[in-house]
Amino acid sequence: MTYAPQRIYEEVAYVAYHFHWGLQDILDLEHPQRLRFVSEIASINTRLAEER
């Protein structure tokens, strides 16, 4: 299965921005793992925004 390049860029940028991981470390993740990190980061951001 292939993924849209734009979507991969978005996922990588999101994880890199929040976790400060390098490109290769993020790309080495399997896609489901990468999506899980994206989901967890989004949940953390939502909780933090609601606490304000």
Protein backbone atom coordinates (compact mmCIF):
# COMPACT_ATOMS: atom_id res chain seq x y z
CA MET A 1 0.00 0.00 0.00
CA THR A 2 1.25 3.48 -0.76
CA TYR A 3 0.43 6.69 1.05
CA ALA A 4 0.01 10.17 -0.36
CA PRO A 5 3.33 12.01 -0.10
CA GLN A 6 1.61 15.10 1.34
CA ARG A 7 0.14 13.01 4.16
CA ILE A 8 3.53 11.53 5.02
CA TYR A 9 5.09 15.00 5.10
CA GLU A 10 2.33 16.16 7.45
CA GLU A 11 2.80 13.19 9.78
CA VAL A 12 6.58 13.55 9.85
CA ALA A 13 6.42 17.29 10.44
CA TYR A 14 3.89 16.87 13.25
CA VAL A 15 5.92 14.23 15.10
CA ALA A 16 9.22 16.02 14.50
CA TYR A 17 7.83 19.31 15.76
CA HIS A 18 6.47 17.85 18.98
CA PHE A 19 9.03 15.15 19.78
CA HIS A 20 12.11 16.65 18.12
CA TRP A 21 12.88 13.34 16.47
CA GLY A 22 14.99 13.18 13.33
CA LEU A 23 13.57 12.47 9.90
CA GLN A 24 15.04 9.01 9.60
CA ASP A 25 13.81 7.97 13.04
CA ILE A 26 10.28 8.95 12.10
CA LEU A 27 10.42 7.37 8.65
CA ASP A 28 11.73 4.15 10.20
CA LEU A 29 8.43 3.74 12.03
CA GLU A 30 5.80 1.55 10.42
CA HIS A 31 2.90 3.65 9.21
CA PRO A 32 0.48 2.43 11.92
CA GLN A 33 3.04 3.32 14.59
CA ARG A 34 3.53 6.77 13.11
CA LEU A 35 -0.24 7.32 13.03
CA ARG A 36 -0.45 6.26 16.66
CA PHE A 37 2.10 8.89 17.65
CA VAL A 38 0.20 11.50 15.64
CA SER A 39 -2.99 10.51 17.45
CA GLU A 40 -1.36 10.62 20.88
CA ILE A 41 0.18 14.04 20.22
CA ALA A 42 -3.20 15.34 19.06
CA SER A 43 -4.83 14.02 22.25
CA ILE A 44 -2.20 15.69 24.42
CA ASN A 45 -2.64 18.98 22.56
CA THR A 46 -6.42 18.79 22.93
CA ARG A 47 -6.20 18.14 26.67
CA LEU A 48 -3.77 21.01 27.15
CA ALA A 49 -5.98 23.38 25.17
CA GLU A 50 -9.04 22.41 27.24
CA GLU A 51 -7.15 23.10 30.48
CA ARG A 52 -6.55 26.71 29.53
